Amino acid sequence: MLSRVAESIYWMGRYMERAEDVARILDVSLSLHLDLPRGAPEQWRPVLAIGCLEEPFDALGLRPVAEDVIAFMSFRPENPNAILSSLEHARENARGVREVISSEMWEQLNATYLEVREAAASGAWRSEPHRFFQRVKLGSQAFTGVCAATMAHGEGWQFLRLGELLERADQTSRILDVKYHLLLPGGAEDIGSPVDDLQWAAVLRSVGGHEMFCKTFQDGIRPWTVASFLLLDGEFPRSVRYCLRRAEAALRSLGEPASPSGASAASPGKLLGKLRATFDCATTNEIFQDGLHEFCDRLQTQLGAVGDTIHRTYFALDGE
């Protein structure tokens, strides 16, 4: 497969997953904001911290309140990871590979993009924000289903899955890490409080895992069991370990092109394999002893290195 086509498909998968994840975060954050008792720490600046977006947000003179944060995370062009921006990028990548993807894939992606663009232009999201977020999530999930049902499961499919899975692993770690930012204002005294329990439940809902978590752990929500579920579970499709295993399988299916220079730099398969092995051997006690924030921070750095190596290995073959 041409490197240009492979790269477009890979990023199409990442951008669609990113749009859904941002919608999930905003939807749950809005519900949490309404459920928290009066006087509880504000929840909107930590939402910006998930994507390291505090600086561009503040530069626009916006306030860390629901309407401004939702608008910035959903529509503002100054935010490259906004829902609308992500769908626009996915759509442009899909436009360039129409000969590879199915018509149904294009139609579903395009319909989701147009619906979000209309919501941004009309301002309808302000009166029914939860309905708007639900439409984004359903649009992304419908796209994933159409891809699985109508796209040949060859190289293009593997690149699509690879992008989707790496993005999901990264976003899950960032959503989990937001608890670190939420705890900063109150400190250790907030641990175990009703507000703390609400926040951990919100973390689970952000990845659609609250119901499955409660079926797996029936003794209530505990920080270490939430972290274990979202980082180390091998069956929940949004856990980091699950995503790393499936991404590694996608890389194995693709194989690796011969290096034109004969360089012996670490391959994406080796990097991802080492990272996956870390999760196969890790324990919840070790993660909390080292620090959950530090663990998630290292994971995000390692995932970035995997993404860079994938680019050099598969997408920069034409001297681009």
C-alpha atoms as a PDB file:
ATOM      1  CA  MET A   1       0.000   0.000   0.000  1.00  0.00           C
ATOM      2  CA  LEU A   2       1.267   3.498  -0.845  1.00  0.00           C
ATOM      3  CA  SER A   3       2.557   5.319   2.223  1.00  0.00           C
ATOM      4  CA  ARG A   4       0.278   8.308   1.510  1.00  0.00           C
ATOM      5  CA  VAL A   5      -2.828   6.118   1.473  1.00  0.00           C
ATOM      6  CA  ALA A   6      -1.754   4.184   4.570  1.00  0.00           C
ATOM      7  CA  GLU A   7      -1.097   7.401   6.498  1.00  0.00           C
ATOM      8  CA  SER A   8      -4.470   8.877   5.560  1.00  0.00           C
ATOM      9  CA  ILE A   9      -6.310   5.766   6.722  1.00  0.00           C
ATOM     10  CA  TYR A  10      -4.297   5.619   9.957  1.00  0.00           C
ATOM     11  CA  TRP A  11      -5.110   9.241  10.816  1.00  0.00           C
ATOM     12  CA  MET A  12      -8.728   8.845   9.803  1.00  0.00           C
ATOM     13  CA  GLY A  13      -9.016   6.200  12.512  1.00  0.00           C
ATOM     14  CA  ARG A  14      -7.229   8.348  15.092  1.00  0.00           C
ATOM     15  CA  TYR A  15      -9.316  11.460  14.410  1.00  0.00           C
ATOM     16  CA  MET A  16     -12.647   9.641  14.567  1.00  0.00           C
ATOM     17  CA  GLU A  17     -11.666   8.071  17.881  1.00  0.00           C
ATOM     18  CA  ARG A  18     -10.505  11.459  19.188  1.00  0.00           C
ATOM     19  CA  ALA A  19     -13.824  13.120  18.345  1.00  0.00           C
ATOM     20  CA  GLU A  20     -15.741  10.437  20.227  1.00  0.00           C
ATOM     21  CA  ASP A  21     -13.442  10.579  23.255  1.00  0.00           C
ATOM     22  CA  VAL A  22     -13.738  14.368  23.565  1.00  0.00           C
ATOM     23  CA  ALA A  23     -17.537  14.084  23.363  1.00  0.00           C
ATOM     24  CA  ARG A  24     -17.464  11.463  26.122  1.00  0.00           C
ATOM     25  CA  ILE A  25     -15.311  13.627  28.376  1.00  0.00           C
ATOM     26  CA  LEU A  26     -17.502  16.696  27.932  1.00  0.00           C
ATOM     27  CA  ASP A  27     -20.755  14.802  28.378  1.00  0.00           C
ATOM     28  CA  VAL A  28     -19.657  13.201  31.642  1.00  0.00           C
ATOM     29  CA  SER A  29     -18.043  16.415  32.903  1.00  0.00           C
ATOM     30  CA  LEU A  30     -21.293  18.284  32.393  1.00  0.00           C
ATOM     31  CA  SER A  31     -23.227  15.639  34.329  1.00  0.00           C
ATOM     32  CA  LEU A  32     -20.617  15.673  37.102  1.00  0.00           C
ATOM     33  CA  HIS A  33     -20.788  19.449  37.302  1.00  0.00           C
ATOM     34  CA  LEU A  34     -24.543  19.235  37.905  1.00  0.00           C
ATOM     35  CA  ASP A  35     -24.231  16.429  40.490  1.00  0.00           C
ATOM     36  CA  LEU A  36     -21.501  17.913  42.668  1.00  0.00           C
ATOM     37  CA  PRO A  37     -22.473  19.619  45.926  1.00  0.00           C
ATOM     38  CA  ARG A  38     -22.246  23.380  46.250  1.00  0.00           C
ATOM     39  CA  GLY A  39     -18.730  24.544  47.036  1.00  0.00           C
ATOM     40  CA  ALA A  40     -17.004  21.544  45.395  1.00  0.00           C
ATOM     41  CA  PRO A  41     -13.890  22.358  43.301  1.00  0.00           C
ATOM     42  CA  GLU A  42     -14.676  23.412  39.734  1.00  0.00           C
ATOM     43  CA  GLN A  43     -14.365  20.596  37.207  1.00  0.00           C
ATOM     44  CA  TRP A  44     -13.715  22.414  33.939  1.00  0.00           C
ATOM     45  CA  ARG A  45     -10.042  23.354  34.066  1.00  0.00           C
ATOM     46  CA  PRO A  46      -9.039  19.686  34.610  1.00  0.00           C
ATOM     47  CA  VAL A  47     -10.927  18.872  31.396  1.00  0.00           C
ATOM     48  CA  LEU A  48      -8.556  21.207  29.568  1.00  0.00           C
ATOM     49  CA  ALA A  49      -5.610  19.573  31.322  1.00  0.00           C
ATOM     50  CA  ILE A  50      -6.424  16.221  29.671  1.00  0.00           C
ATOM     51  CA  GLY A  51      -5.223  17.580  26.345  1.00  0.00           C
ATOM     52  CA  CYS A  52      -2.719  20.157  27.692  1.00  0.00           C
ATOM     53  CA  LEU A  53      -5.006  22.915  26.401  1.00  0.00           C
ATOM     54  CA  GLU A  54      -4.957  25.394  29.295  1.00  0.00           C
ATOM     55  CA  GLU A  55      -2.580  27.803  27.577  1.00  0.00           C
ATOM     56  CA  PRO A  56      -4.437  28.218  24.243  1.00  0.00           C
ATOM     57  CA  PHE A  57      -7.730  28.389  26.161  1.00  0.00           C
ATOM     58  CA  ASP A  58      -6.484  31.179  28.436  1.00  0.00           C
ATOM     59  CA  ALA A  59      -4.963  33.034  25.473  1.00  0.00           C
ATOM     60  CA  LEU A  60      -8.472  33.482  24.054  1.00  0.00           C
ATOM     61  CA  GLY A  61      -9.655  35.169  27.253  1.00  0.00           C
ATOM     62  CA  LEU A  62     -12.187  32.431  27.947  1.00  0.00           C
ATOM     63  CA  ARG A  63     -13.463  31.465  31.389  1.00  0.00           C
ATOM     64  CA  PRO A  64     -13.240  27.935  32.856  1.00  0.00           C
ATOM     65  CA  VAL A  65     -17.020  27.561  32.921  1.00  0.00           C
ATOM     66  CA  ALA A  66     -19.248  25.036  31.169  1.00  0.00           C
ATOM     67  CA  GLU A  67     -20.235  27.034  28.084  1.00  0.00           C
ATOM     68  CA  ASP A  68     -16.756  28.346  27.273  1.00  0.00           C
ATOM     69  CA  VAL A  69     -14.998  25.017  27.796  1.00  0.00           C
ATOM     70  CA  ILE A  70     -17.593  23.048  25.827  1.00  0.00           C
ATOM     71  CA  ALA A  71     -17.429  25.520  22.932  1.00  0.00           C
ATOM     72  CA  PHE A  72     -13.614  25.461  22.946  1.00  0.00           C
ATOM     73  CA  MET A  73     -13.401  21.668  23.109  1.00  0.00           C
ATOM     74  CA  SER A  74     -16.136  21.171  20.521  1.00  0.00           C
ATOM     75  CA  PHE A  75     -15.889  23.898  17.880  1.00  0.00           C
ATOM     76  CA  ARG A  76     -13.192  26.536  18.270  1.00  0.00           C
ATOM     77  CA  PRO A  77     -10.704  26.426  15.344  1.00  0.00           C
ATOM     78  CA  GLU A  78      -7.909  27.494  17.714  1.00  0.00           C
ATOM     79  CA  ASN A  79      -8.177  24.025  19.266  1.00  0.00           C
ATOM     80  CA  PRO A  80      -6.783  21.434  16.810  1.00  0.00           C
ATOM     81  CA  ASN A  81      -8.271  18.614  18.913  1.00  0.00           C
ATOM     82  CA  ALA A  82     -11.816  20.015  19.003  1.00  0.00           C
ATOM     83  CA  ILE A  83     -14.600  17.664  17.941  1.00  0.00           C
ATOM     84  CA  LEU A  84     -15.295  19.618  14.756  1.00  0.00           C
ATOM     85  CA  SER A  85     -11.590  19.910  13.884  1.00  0.00           C
ATOM     86  CA  SER A  86     -11.063  16.173  14.404  1.00  0.00           C
ATOM     87  CA  LEU A  87     -14.032  15.295  12.190  1.00  0.00           C
ATOM     88  CA  GLU A  88     -12.860  17.745   9.539  1.00  0.00           C
ATOM     89  CA  HIS A  89      -9.388  16.162   9.539  1.00  0.00           C
ATOM     90  CA  ALA A  90     -10.902  12.677   9.363  1.00  0.00           C
ATOM     91  CA  ARG A  91     -13.108  13.779   6.461  1.00  0.00           C
ATOM     92  CA  GLU A  92     -10.194  15.265   4.508  1.00  0.00           C
ATOM     93  CA  ASN A  93      -8.151  12.096   4.978  1.00  0.00           C
ATOM     94  CA  ALA A  94     -11.139  10.008   3.864  1.00  0.00           C
ATOM     95  CA  ARG A  95     -11.626  12.230   0.808  1.00  0.00           C
ATOM     96  CA  GLY A  96      -8.087  11.419  -0.309  1.00  0.00           C
ATOM     97  CA  VAL A  97      -8.577   7.642  -0.123  1.00  0.00           C
ATOM     98  CA  ARG A  98     -12.070   7.232  -1.545  1.00  0.00           C
ATOM     99  CA  GLU A  99     -10.702   4.516  -3.827  1.00  0.00           C
ATOM    100  CA  VAL A 100      -9.808   2.389  -0.788  1.00  0.00           C
ATOM    101  CA  ILE A 101     -12.693   2.919   1.650  1.00  0.00           C
ATOM    102  CA  SER A 102     -16.319   1.960   1.065  1.00  0.00           C
ATOM    103  CA  SER A 103     -19.031   4.422   0.044  1.00  0.00           C
ATOM    104  CA  GLU A 104     -20.883   3.655   3.267  1.00  0.00           C
ATOM    105  CA  MET A 105     -17.828   4.685   5.300  1.00  0.00           C
ATOM    106  CA  TRP A 106     -17.625   8.014   3.508  1.00  0.00           C
ATOM    107  CA  GLU A 107     -21.352   8.656   3.840  1.00  0.00           C
ATOM    108  CA  GLN A 108     -21.370   7.952   7.585  1.00  0.00           C
ATOM    109  CA  LEU A 109     -18.300  10.092   8.283  1.00  0.00           C
ATOM    110  CA  ASN A 110     -19.563  12.929   6.128  1.00  0.00           C
ATOM    111  CA  ALA A 111     -23.013  12.857   7.763  1.00  0.00           C
ATOM    112  CA  THR A 112     -21.474  13.073  11.249  1.00  0.00           C
ATOM    113  CA  TYR A 113     -19.237  15.960  10.206  1.00  0.00           C
ATOM    114  CA  LEU A 114     -22.122  17.911   8.634  1.00  0.00           C
ATOM    115  CA  GLU A 115     -24.305  17.380  11.700  1.00  0.00           C
ATOM    116  CA  VAL A 116     -21.608  18.730  14.030  1.00  0.00           C
ATOM    117  CA  ARG A 117     -20.891  21.661  11.735  1.00  0.00           C
ATOM    118  CA  GLU A 118     -24.587  22.538  11.703  1.00  0.00           C
ATOM    119  CA  ALA A 119     -24.726  22.345  15.506  1.00  0.00           C
ATOM    120  CA  ALA A 120     -21.784  24.740  15.708  1.00  0.00           C
ATOM    121  CA  ALA A 121     -23.368  27.212  13.281  1.00  0.00           C
ATOM    122  CA  SER A 122     -26.851  27.160  14.814  1.00  0.00           C
ATOM    123  CA  GLY A 123     -25.830  27.032  18.471  1.00  0.00           C
ATOM    124  CA  ALA A 124     -28.400  24.292  19.053  1.00  0.00           C
ATOM    125  CA  TRP A 125     -25.940  22.439  21.291  1.00  0.00           C
ATOM    126  CA  ARG A 126     -26.456  25.045  24.026  1.00  0.00           C
ATOM    127  CA  SER A 127     -30.041  23.994  24.719  1.00  0.00           C
ATOM    128  CA  GLU A 128     -29.417  20.232  24.454  1.00  0.00           C
ATOM    129  CA  PRO A 129     -25.709  19.571  25.046  1.00  0.00           C
ATOM    130  CA  HIS A 130     -26.193  15.950  26.124  1.00  0.00           C
ATOM    131  CA  ARG A 131     -28.106  15.206  22.922  1.00  0.00           C
ATOM    132  CA  PHE A 132     -25.296  16.773  20.899  1.00  0.00           C
ATOM    133  CA  PHE A 133     -22.620  14.655  22.620  1.00  0.00           C
ATOM    134  CA  GLN A 134     -24.719  11.542  22.151  1.00  0.00           C
ATOM    135  CA  ARG A 135     -24.981  12.217  18.418  1.00  0.00           C
ATOM    136  CA  VAL A 136     -21.192  12.557  18.147  1.00  0.00           C
ATOM    137  CA  LYS A 137     -20.625   9.296  20.038  1.00  0.00           C
ATOM    138  CA  LEU A 138     -23.218   7.413  18.005  1.00  0.00           C
ATOM    139  CA  GLY A 139     -21.834   8.838  14.766  1.00  0.00           C
ATOM    140  CA  SER A 140     -18.331   7.637  15.604  1.00  0.00           C
ATOM    141  CA  GLN A 141     -19.549   4.220  16.723  1.00  0.00           C
ATOM    142  CA  ALA A 142     -21.648   3.861  13.574  1.00  0.00           C
ATOM    143  CA  PHE A 143     -18.565   4.683  11.522  1.00  0.00           C
ATOM    144  CA  THR A 144     -16.583   1.985  13.329  1.00  0.00           C
ATOM    145  CA  GLY A 145     -19.352  -0.535  12.691  1.00  0.00           C
ATOM    146  CA  VAL A 146     -19.641   0.376   9.008  1.00  0.00           C
ATOM    147  CA  CYS A 147     -15.868   0.038   8.632  1.00  0.00           C
ATOM    148  CA  ALA A 148     -15.912  -3.444  10.143  1.00  0.00           C
ATOM    149  CA  ALA A 149     -18.820  -4.528   7.945  1.00  0.00           C
ATOM    150  CA  THR A 150     -17.900  -2.988   4.579  1.00  0.00           C
ATOM    151  CA  MET A 151     -14.122  -2.534   4.366  1.00  0.00           C
ATOM    152  CA  ALA A 152     -11.844  -5.350   3.247  1.00  0.00           C
ATOM    153  CA  HIS A 153      -9.838  -6.495   6.272  1.00  0.00           C
ATOM    154  CA  GLY A 154      -6.488  -6.111   4.556  1.00  0.00           C
ATOM    155  CA  GLU A 155      -3.705  -3.561   5.018  1.00  0.00           C
ATOM    156  CA  GLY A 156      -6.012  -0.562   5.017  1.00  0.00           C
ATOM    157  CA  TRP A 157      -8.161  -2.072   7.749  1.00  0.00           C
ATOM    158  CA  GLN A 158      -5.089  -2.817   9.860  1.00  0.00           C
ATOM    159  CA  PHE A 159      -3.866   0.780   9.591  1.00  0.00           C
ATOM    160  CA  LEU A 160      -7.330   2.052  10.494  1.00  0.00           C
ATOM    161  CA  ARG A 161      -7.450  -0.185  13.572  1.00  0.00           C
ATOM    162  CA  LEU A 162      -3.885   0.703  14.528  1.00  0.00           C
ATOM    163  CA  GLY A 163      -4.667   4.421  14.555  1.00  0.00           C
ATOM    164  CA  GLU A 164      -7.934   3.926  16.420  1.00  0.00           C
ATOM    165  CA  LEU A 165      -6.390   1.689  19.109  1.00  0.00           C
ATOM    166  CA  LEU A 166      -3.348   3.869  19.796  1.00  0.00           C
ATOM    167  CA  GLU A 167      -5.553   6.951  20.078  1.00  0.00           C
ATOM    168  CA  ARG A 168      -7.921   5.134  22.432  1.00  0.00           C
ATOM    169  CA  ALA A 169      -5.075   3.947  24.676  1.00  0.00           C
ATOM    170  CA  ASP A 170      -3.699   7.476  24.872  1.00  0.00           C
ATOM    171  CA  GLN A 171      -7.083   9.038  25.622  1.00  0.00           C
ATOM    172  CA  THR A 172      -7.930   6.443  28.290  1.00  0.00           C
ATOM    173  CA  SER A 173      -4.671   7.202  30.098  1.00  0.00           C
ATOM    174  CA  ARG A 174      -5.365  10.936  29.896  1.00  0.00           C
ATOM    175  CA  ILE A 175      -8.909  10.533  31.232  1.00  0.00           C
ATOM    176  CA  LEU A 176      -7.567   8.464  34.129  1.00  0.00           C
ATOM    177  CA  ASP A 177      -4.822  10.997  34.748  1.00  0.00           C
ATOM    178  CA  VAL A 178      -7.362  13.811  35.106  1.00  0.00           C
ATOM    179  CA  LYS A 179      -7.999  12.562  38.651  1.00  0.00           C
ATOM    180  CA  TYR A 180      -4.526  13.847  39.502  1.00  0.00           C
ATOM    181  CA  HIS A 181      -5.545  17.323  38.342  1.00  0.00           C
ATOM    182  CA  LEU A 182      -8.902  17.101  40.127  1.00  0.00           C
ATOM    183  CA  LEU A 183      -7.181  16.281  43.423  1.00  0.00           C
ATOM    184  CA  LEU A 184      -4.741  19.171  43.255  1.00  0.00           C
ATOM    185  CA  PRO A 185      -7.069  21.839  44.732  1.00  0.00           C
ATOM    186  CA  GLY A 186      -8.212  19.831  47.763  1.00  0.00           C
ATOM    187  CA  GLY A 187      -5.272  17.570  48.414  1.00  0.00           C
ATOM    188  CA  ALA A 188      -5.258  14.290  50.320  1.00  0.00           C
ATOM    189  CA  GLU A 189      -8.249  15.222  52.479  1.00  0.00           C
ATOM    190  CA  ASP A 190     -10.561  14.742  49.476  1.00  0.00           C
ATOM    191  CA  ILE A 191      -9.565  11.088  49.033  1.00  0.00           C
ATOM    192  CA  GLY A 192     -12.439   8.794  49.971  1.00  0.00           C
ATOM    193  CA  SER A 193     -14.948  11.636  50.188  1.00  0.00           C
ATOM    194  CA  PRO A 194     -18.344  11.563  48.407  1.00  0.00           C
ATOM    195  CA  VAL A 195     -16.900  14.011  45.849  1.00  0.00           C
ATOM    196  CA  ASP A 196     -13.987  11.632  45.277  1.00  0.00           C
ATOM    197  CA  ASP A 197     -16.394   8.746  44.654  1.00  0.00           C
ATOM    198  CA  LEU A 198     -18.382  10.847  42.172  1.00  0.00           C
ATOM    199  CA  GLN A 199     -15.211  11.738  40.304  1.00  0.00           C
ATOM    200  CA  TRP A 200     -14.027   8.123  40.031  1.00  0.00           C
ATOM    201  CA  ALA A 201     -17.463   7.110  38.754  1.00  0.00           C
ATOM    202  CA  ALA A 202     -17.224   9.943  36.211  1.00  0.00           C
ATOM    203  CA  VAL A 203     -13.841   8.642  35.035  1.00  0.00           C
ATOM    204  CA  LEU A 204     -15.443   5.266  34.342  1.00  0.00           C
ATOM    205  CA  ARG A 205     -18.405   6.831  32.536  1.00  0.00           C
ATOM    206  CA  SER A 206     -16.023   8.865  30.375  1.00  0.00           C
ATOM    207  CA  VAL A 207     -14.868   5.645  28.736  1.00  0.00           C
ATOM    208  CA  GLY A 208     -18.264   3.927  28.811  1.00  0.00           C
ATOM    209  CA  GLY A 209     -16.958   1.519  31.448  1.00  0.00           C
ATOM    210  CA  HIS A 210     -19.071   2.190  34.529  1.00  0.00           C
ATOM    211  CA  GLU A 211     -21.542  -0.618  33.951  1.00  0.00           C
ATOM    212  CA  MET A 212     -18.906  -3.220  33.034  1.00  0.00           C
ATOM    213  CA  PHE A 213     -16.784  -2.149  36.002  1.00  0.00           C
ATOM    214  CA  CYS A 214     -19.674  -2.644  38.414  1.00  0.00           C
ATOM    215  CA  LYS A 215     -20.302  -6.115  36.971  1.00  0.00           C
ATOM    216  CA  THR A 216     -16.624  -6.994  37.468  1.00  0.00           C
ATOM    217  CA  PHE A 217     -15.973  -5.351  40.851  1.00  0.00           C
ATOM    218  CA  GLN A 218     -18.995  -5.712  43.096  1.00  0.00           C
ATOM    219  CA  ASP A 219     -17.481  -4.217  46.268  1.00  0.00           C
ATOM    220  CA  GLY A 220     -17.832  -0.610  45.117  1.00  0.00           C
ATOM    221  CA  ILE A 221     -15.610   1.924  43.384  1.00  0.00           C
ATOM    222  CA  ARG A 222     -12.043   2.127  44.684  1.00  0.00           C
ATOM    223  CA  PRO A 223      -9.175   4.089  43.093  1.00  0.00           C
ATOM    224  CA  TRP A 224      -6.975   1.009  42.701  1.00  0.00           C
ATOM    225  CA  THR A 225      -9.726  -1.101  41.138  1.00  0.00           C
ATOM    226  CA  VAL A 226     -10.637   1.684  38.679  1.00  0.00           C
ATOM    227  CA  ALA A 227      -6.976   2.041  37.692  1.00  0.00           C
ATOM    228  CA  SER A 228      -6.617  -1.733  37.349  1.00  0.00           C
ATOM    229  CA  PHE A 229      -9.740  -1.923  35.167  1.00  0.00           C
ATOM    230  CA  LEU A 230      -8.773   0.929  32.837  1.00  0.00           C
ATOM    231  CA  LEU A 231      -5.072   0.133  32.587  1.00  0.00           C
ATOM    232  CA  LEU A 232      -4.622  -3.631  33.013  1.00  0.00           C
ATOM    233  CA  ASP A 233      -7.897  -5.347  32.093  1.00  0.00           C
ATOM    234  CA  GLY A 234      -7.444  -7.641  29.114  1.00  0.00           C
ATOM    235  CA  GLU A 235     -11.067  -7.801  27.973  1.00  0.00           C
ATOM    236  CA  PHE A 236     -12.589  -4.324  28.310  1.00  0.00           C
ATOM    237  CA  PRO A 237     -12.154  -2.731  24.835  1.00  0.00           C
ATOM    238  CA  ARG A 238     -11.131   0.685  26.164  1.00  0.00           C
ATOM    239  CA  SER A 239      -8.532  -0.504  28.654  1.00  0.00           C
ATOM    240  CA  VAL A 240      -4.945   0.363  27.753  1.00  0.00           C
ATOM    241  CA  ARG A 241      -3.770  -3.245  27.897  1.00  0.00           C
ATOM    242  CA  TYR A 242      -6.536  -4.392  25.553  1.00  0.00           C
ATOM    243  CA  CYS A 243      -5.704  -1.630  23.072  1.00  0.00           C
ATOM    244  CA  LEU A 244      -1.967  -2.364  23.152  1.00  0.00           C
ATOM    245  CA  ARG A 245      -2.526  -6.069  22.509  1.00  0.00           C
ATOM    246  CA  ARG A 246      -4.807  -5.420  19.532  1.00  0.00           C
ATOM    247  CA  ALA A 247      -2.515  -2.703  18.150  1.00  0.00           C
ATOM    248  CA  GLU A 248       0.443  -5.085  18.361  1.00  0.00           C
ATOM    249  CA  ALA A 249      -1.578  -7.706  16.485  1.00  0.00           C
ATOM    250  CA  ALA A 250      -2.343  -5.132  13.765  1.00  0.00           C
ATOM    251  CA  LEU A 251       1.371  -4.363  13.417  1.00  0.00           C
ATOM    252  CA  ARG A 252       2.198  -8.049  13.128  1.00  0.00           C
ATOM    253  CA  SER A 253      -0.360  -8.376  10.330  1.00  0.00           C
ATOM    254  CA  LEU A 254       1.199  -5.456   8.485  1.00  0.00           C
ATOM    255  CA  GLY A 255       4.786  -6.644   8.781  1.00  0.00           C
ATOM    256  CA  GLU A 256       7.587  -4.100   8.443  1.00  0.00           C
ATOM    257  CA  PRO A 257       9.073  -2.774   5.201  1.00  0.00           C
ATOM    258  CA  ALA A 258      12.805  -3.156   4.730  1.00  0.00           C
ATOM    259  CA  SER A 259      14.711  -0.060   5.793  1.00  0.00           C
ATOM    260  CA  PRO A 260      16.306   1.586   2.736  1.00  0.00           C
ATOM    261  CA  SER A 261      19.288   2.638   4.835  1.00  0.00           C
ATOM    262  CA  GLY A 262      19.641  -0.637   6.672  1.00  0.00           C
ATOM    263  CA  ALA A 263      19.400   1.226   9.959  1.00  0.00           C
ATOM    264  CA  SER A 264      18.840  -0.848  13.083  1.00  0.00           C
ATOM    265  CA  ALA A 265      16.657   1.659  14.904  1.00  0.00           C
ATOM    266  CA  ALA A 266      13.947   0.210  17.119  1.00  0.00           C
ATOM    267  CA  SER A 267      10.938  -0.875  15.065  1.00  0.00           C
ATOM    268  CA  PRO A 268       7.362   0.055  16.007  1.00  0.00           C
ATOM    269  CA  GLY A 269       6.666  -3.609  16.647  1.00  0.00           C
ATOM    270  CA  LYS A 270       9.524  -3.880  19.146  1.00  0.00           C
ATOM    271  CA  LEU A 271       8.590  -0.660  20.918  1.00  0.00           C
ATOM    272  CA  LEU A 272       4.941  -1.628  21.157  1.00  0.00           C
ATOM    273  CA  GLY A 273       5.842  -5.158  22.215  1.00  0.00           C
ATOM    274  CA  LYS A 274       7.979  -3.873  25.080  1.00  0.00           C
ATOM    275  CA  LEU A 275       5.211  -1.516  26.154  1.00  0.00           C
ATOM    276  CA  ARG A 276       2.603  -4.277  26.003  1.00  0.00           C
ATOM    277  CA  ALA A 277       4.881  -6.579  28.034  1.00  0.00           C
ATOM    278  CA  THR A 278       5.088  -3.867  30.701  1.00  0.00           C
ATOM    279  CA  PHE A 279       1.319  -3.975  31.041  1.00  0.00           C
ATOM    280  CA  ASP A 280       1.245  -7.768  31.061  1.00  0.00           C
ATOM    281  CA  CYS A 281       3.596  -7.752  34.063  1.00  0.00           C
ATOM    282  CA  ALA A 282       2.441  -4.613  35.910  1.00  0.00           C
ATOM    283  CA  THR A 283       0.446  -4.743  39.126  1.00  0.00           C
ATOM    284  CA  THR A 284      -1.853  -2.139  40.617  1.00  0.00           C
ATOM    285  CA  ASN A 285       0.323  -1.886  43.732  1.00  0.00           C
ATOM    286  CA  GLU A 286       3.384  -1.081  41.643  1.00  0.00           C
ATOM    287  CA  ILE A 287       1.496   1.567  39.693  1.00  0.00           C
ATOM    288  CA  PHE A 288       0.312   3.361  42.831  1.00  0.00           C
ATOM    289  CA  GLN A 289       3.695   3.038  44.542  1.00  0.00           C
ATOM    290  CA  ASP A 290       5.372   4.753  41.596  1.00  0.00           C
ATOM    291  CA  GLY A 291       2.497   7.247  41.291  1.00  0.00           C
ATOM    292  CA  LEU A 292      -0.533   6.956  39.008  1.00  0.00           C
ATOM    293  CA  HIS A 293       0.154  10.344  37.408  1.00  0.00           C
ATOM    294  CA  GLU A 294       3.788   9.452  36.715  1.00  0.00           C
ATOM    295  CA  PHE A 295       2.780   6.082  35.271  1.00  0.00           C
ATOM    296  CA  CYS A 296       0.243   7.674  32.911  1.00  0.00           C
ATOM    297  CA  ASP A 297       2.712  10.389  31.939  1.00  0.00           C
ATOM    298  CA  ARG A 298       5.344   7.795  30.958  1.00  0.00           C
ATOM    299  CA  LEU A 299       2.738   5.829  29.026  1.00  0.00           C
ATOM    300  CA  GLN A 300       1.774   8.886  26.973  1.00  0.00           C
ATOM    301  CA  THR A 301       5.456   9.543  26.190  1.00  0.00           C
ATOM    302  CA  GLN A 302       5.946   5.931  25.120  1.00  0.00           C
ATOM    303  CA  LEU A 303       2.830   5.977  22.944  1.00  0.00           C
ATOM    304  CA  GLY A 304       4.141   9.140  21.305  1.00  0.00           C
ATOM    305  CA  ALA A 305       7.413   7.342  20.545  1.00  0.00           C
ATOM    306  CA  VAL A 306       5.492   4.425  19.016  1.00  0.00           C
ATOM    307  CA  GLY A 307       3.527   6.852  16.829  1.00  0.00           C
ATOM    308  CA  ASP A 308       6.710   8.597  15.666  1.00  0.00           C
ATOM    309  CA  THR A 309       8.301   5.265  14.770  1.00  0.00           C
ATOM    310  CA  ILE A 310       5.201   4.172  12.867  1.00  0.00           C
ATOM    311  CA  HIS A 311       5.455   7.372  10.822  1.00  0.00           C
ATOM    312  CA  ARG A 312       9.130   6.805  10.001  1.00  0.00           C
ATOM    313  CA  THR A 313       8.599   3.128   9.205  1.00  0.00           C
ATOM    314  CA  TYR A 314       5.445   3.211   7.098  1.00  0.00           C
ATOM    315  CA  PHE A 315       4.665   6.755   6.015  1.00  0.00           C
ATOM    316  CA  ALA A 316       8.009   8.407   5.221  1.00  0.00           C
ATOM    317  CA  LEU A 317       9.101   5.884   2.607  1.00  0.00           C
ATOM    318  CA  ASP A 318       8.868   8.246  -0.345  1.00  0.00           C
ATOM    319  CA  GLY A 319      11.344  10.810   0.964  1.00  0.00           C
ATOM    320  CA  GLU A 320       8.461  13.065   2.026  1.00  0.00           C
END
